[in-house]
Amino acid sequence: MEDCRLLWGQFSISSLKLEIHSCGRPLAELQVTNVKASLTKRPFDTAVQVSVQSLLIVDALQTYGHDYELLVASHKHVMYVLINIS
């Protein structure tokens, strides 16, 4: 049987920062760096590969203090500083 690819694709993102604001106040932030993904679809199998070097999700709306801002961090000893300029 011949190895025939039906679908193949890949993409990469070096850095992405998404901030959600409401009425000029930050609500949440997502940061990812060095994202790589690929998809191969053949008649007999499907392969998906995803790698992320760094992932950070911040809750800027919470009121419990700076220790509770980070919801998800992909690595230890992360320090996040939220600067709110009014």
C-alpha atoms as a PDB file:
ATOM      1  CA  MET A   1       0.000   0.000   0.000  1.00  0.00           C
ATOM      2  CA  GLU A   2       1.357   3.379  -0.967  1.00  0.00           C
ATOM      3  CA  ASP A   3       1.835   6.020   1.761  1.00  0.00           C
ATOM      4  CA  CYS A   4      -0.519   8.730   0.529  1.00  0.00           C
ATOM      5  CA  ARG A   5      -1.008  11.935   2.548  1.00  0.00           C
ATOM      6  CA  LEU A   6      -4.436  13.481   2.311  1.00  0.00           C
ATOM      7  CA  LEU A   7      -3.845  16.489   4.531  1.00  0.00           C
ATOM      8  CA  TRP A   8      -0.759  18.090   6.038  1.00  0.00           C
ATOM      9  CA  GLY A   9      -0.326  21.449   7.736  1.00  0.00           C
ATOM     10  CA  GLN A  10       1.745  23.275  10.301  1.00  0.00           C
ATOM     11  CA  PHE A  11       1.971  26.674  11.956  1.00  0.00           C
ATOM     12  CA  SER A  12       4.070  28.468  14.529  1.00  0.00           C
ATOM     13  CA  ILE A  13       3.634  31.523  16.738  1.00  0.00           C
ATOM     14  CA  SER A  14       6.703  33.094  18.301  1.00  0.00           C
ATOM     15  CA  SER A  15       4.782  35.300  20.743  1.00  0.00           C
ATOM     16  CA  LEU A  16       1.111  36.038  21.398  1.00  0.00           C
ATOM     17  CA  LYS A  17      -0.398  38.278  24.046  1.00  0.00           C
ATOM     18  CA  LEU A  18      -4.163  38.646  24.333  1.00  0.00           C
ATOM     19  CA  GLU A  19      -5.637  41.107  26.822  1.00  0.00           C
ATOM     20  CA  ILE A  20      -9.322  41.507  27.626  1.00  0.00           C
ATOM     21  CA  HIS A  21     -10.400  44.944  28.890  1.00  0.00           C
ATOM     22  CA  SER A  22     -13.721  46.355  30.017  1.00  0.00           C
ATOM     23  CA  CYS A  23     -14.275  50.083  30.552  1.00  0.00           C
ATOM     24  CA  GLY A  24     -10.524  50.659  30.449  1.00  0.00           C
ATOM     25  CA  ARG A  25      -9.784  48.049  33.154  1.00  0.00           C
ATOM     26  CA  PRO A  26      -7.900  44.841  32.419  1.00  0.00           C
ATOM     27  CA  LEU A  27      -9.916  41.657  33.090  1.00  0.00           C
ATOM     28  CA  ALA A  28      -7.679  38.844  31.907  1.00  0.00           C
ATOM     29  CA  GLU A  29      -4.526  38.157  29.933  1.00  0.00           C
ATOM     30  CA  LEU A  30      -3.187  35.195  27.977  1.00  0.00           C
ATOM     31  CA  GLN A  31       0.467  34.954  26.933  1.00  0.00           C
ATOM     32  CA  VAL A  32       2.032  32.140  24.919  1.00  0.00           C
ATOM     33  CA  THR A  33       5.472  31.887  23.344  1.00  0.00           C
ATOM     34  CA  ASN A  34       6.980  29.526  20.793  1.00  0.00           C
ATOM     35  CA  VAL A  35       3.848  27.604  19.846  1.00  0.00           C
ATOM     36  CA  LYS A  36       4.312  25.001  17.125  1.00  0.00           C
ATOM     37  CA  ALA A  37       1.633  22.679  15.761  1.00  0.00           C
ATOM     38  CA  SER A  38       1.333  20.236  12.911  1.00  0.00           C
ATOM     39  CA  LEU A  39      -1.338  17.923  11.549  1.00  0.00           C
ATOM     40  CA  THR A  40      -0.966  14.932   9.266  1.00  0.00           C
ATOM     41  CA  LYS A  41      -4.052  13.070   8.080  1.00  0.00           C
ATOM     42  CA  ARG A  42      -3.566   9.849   6.146  1.00  0.00           C
ATOM     43  CA  PRO A  43      -6.101   7.197   5.166  1.00  0.00           C
ATOM     44  CA  PHE A  44      -5.040   4.942   8.041  1.00  0.00           C
ATOM     45  CA  ASP A  45      -4.202   7.406  10.848  1.00  0.00           C
ATOM     46  CA  THR A  46      -4.134  10.992  12.070  1.00  0.00           C
ATOM     47  CA  ALA A  47      -1.231  12.645  13.888  1.00  0.00           C
ATOM     48  CA  VAL A  48      -1.402  15.960  15.740  1.00  0.00           C
ATOM     49  CA  GLN A  49       1.610  17.524  17.449  1.00  0.00           C
ATOM     50  CA  VAL A  50       1.506  20.671  19.587  1.00  0.00           C
ATOM     51  CA  SER A  51       4.291  22.228  21.639  1.00  0.00           C
ATOM     52  CA  VAL A  52       4.204  25.375  23.773  1.00  0.00           C
ATOM     53  CA  GLN A  53       7.332  26.763  25.410  1.00  0.00           C
ATOM     54  CA  SER A  54       5.536  29.123  27.781  1.00  0.00           C
ATOM     55  CA  LEU A  55       1.897  29.644  28.811  1.00  0.00           C
ATOM     56  CA  LEU A  56       0.564  32.259  31.217  1.00  0.00           C
ATOM     57  CA  ILE A  57      -3.071  33.065  32.136  1.00  0.00           C
ATOM     58  CA  VAL A  58      -3.691  36.020  34.439  1.00  0.00           C
ATOM     59  CA  ASP A  59      -6.885  37.033  36.266  1.00  0.00           C
ATOM     60  CA  ALA A  60      -6.563  40.800  36.599  1.00  0.00           C
ATOM     61  CA  LEU A  61     -10.039  41.213  38.107  1.00  0.00           C
ATOM     62  CA  GLN A  62      -9.602  39.179  41.286  1.00  0.00           C
ATOM     63  CA  THR A  63      -9.283  41.036  44.606  1.00  0.00           C
ATOM     64  CA  TYR A  64      -7.302  38.568  46.763  1.00  0.00           C
ATOM     65  CA  GLY A  65      -3.890  40.113  46.064  1.00  0.00           C
ATOM     66  CA  HIS A  66      -0.977  39.589  43.679  1.00  0.00           C
ATOM     67  CA  ASP A  67      -0.397  36.000  44.836  1.00  0.00           C
ATOM     68  CA  TYR A  68      -3.684  34.963  43.191  1.00  0.00           C
ATOM     69  CA  GLU A  69      -3.377  36.717  39.815  1.00  0.00           C
ATOM     70  CA  LEU A  70      -1.740  33.808  38.012  1.00  0.00           C
ATOM     71  CA  LEU A  71      -4.316  31.173  37.105  1.00  0.00           C
ATOM     72  CA  VAL A  72      -1.958  29.075  34.961  1.00  0.00           C
ATOM     73  CA  ALA A  73       1.803  29.280  34.539  1.00  0.00           C
ATOM     74  CA  SER A  74       3.792  26.729  32.582  1.00  0.00           C
ATOM     75  CA  HIS A  75       6.916  27.135  34.659  1.00  0.00           C
ATOM     76  CA  LYS A  76       7.890  27.829  38.260  1.00  0.00           C
ATOM     77  CA  HIS A  77       9.074  31.101  39.780  1.00  0.00           C
ATOM     78  CA  VAL A  78       6.990  33.333  37.499  1.00  0.00           C
ATOM     79  CA  MET A  79       6.555  36.921  38.601  1.00  0.00           C
ATOM     80  CA  TYR A  80       3.877  38.920  36.872  1.00  0.00           C
ATOM     81  CA  VAL A  81       3.507  42.661  37.314  1.00  0.00           C
ATOM     82  CA  LEU A  82       0.245  44.258  36.221  1.00  0.00           C
ATOM     83  CA  ILE A  83       0.639  47.936  35.396  1.00  0.00           C
ATOM     84  CA  ASN A  84      -2.613  49.877  35.380  1.00  0.00           C
ATOM     85  CA  ILE A  85      -2.195  53.408  34.044  1.00  0.00           C
ATOM     86  CA  SER A  86      -5.289  55.542  34.465  1.00  0.00           C
END
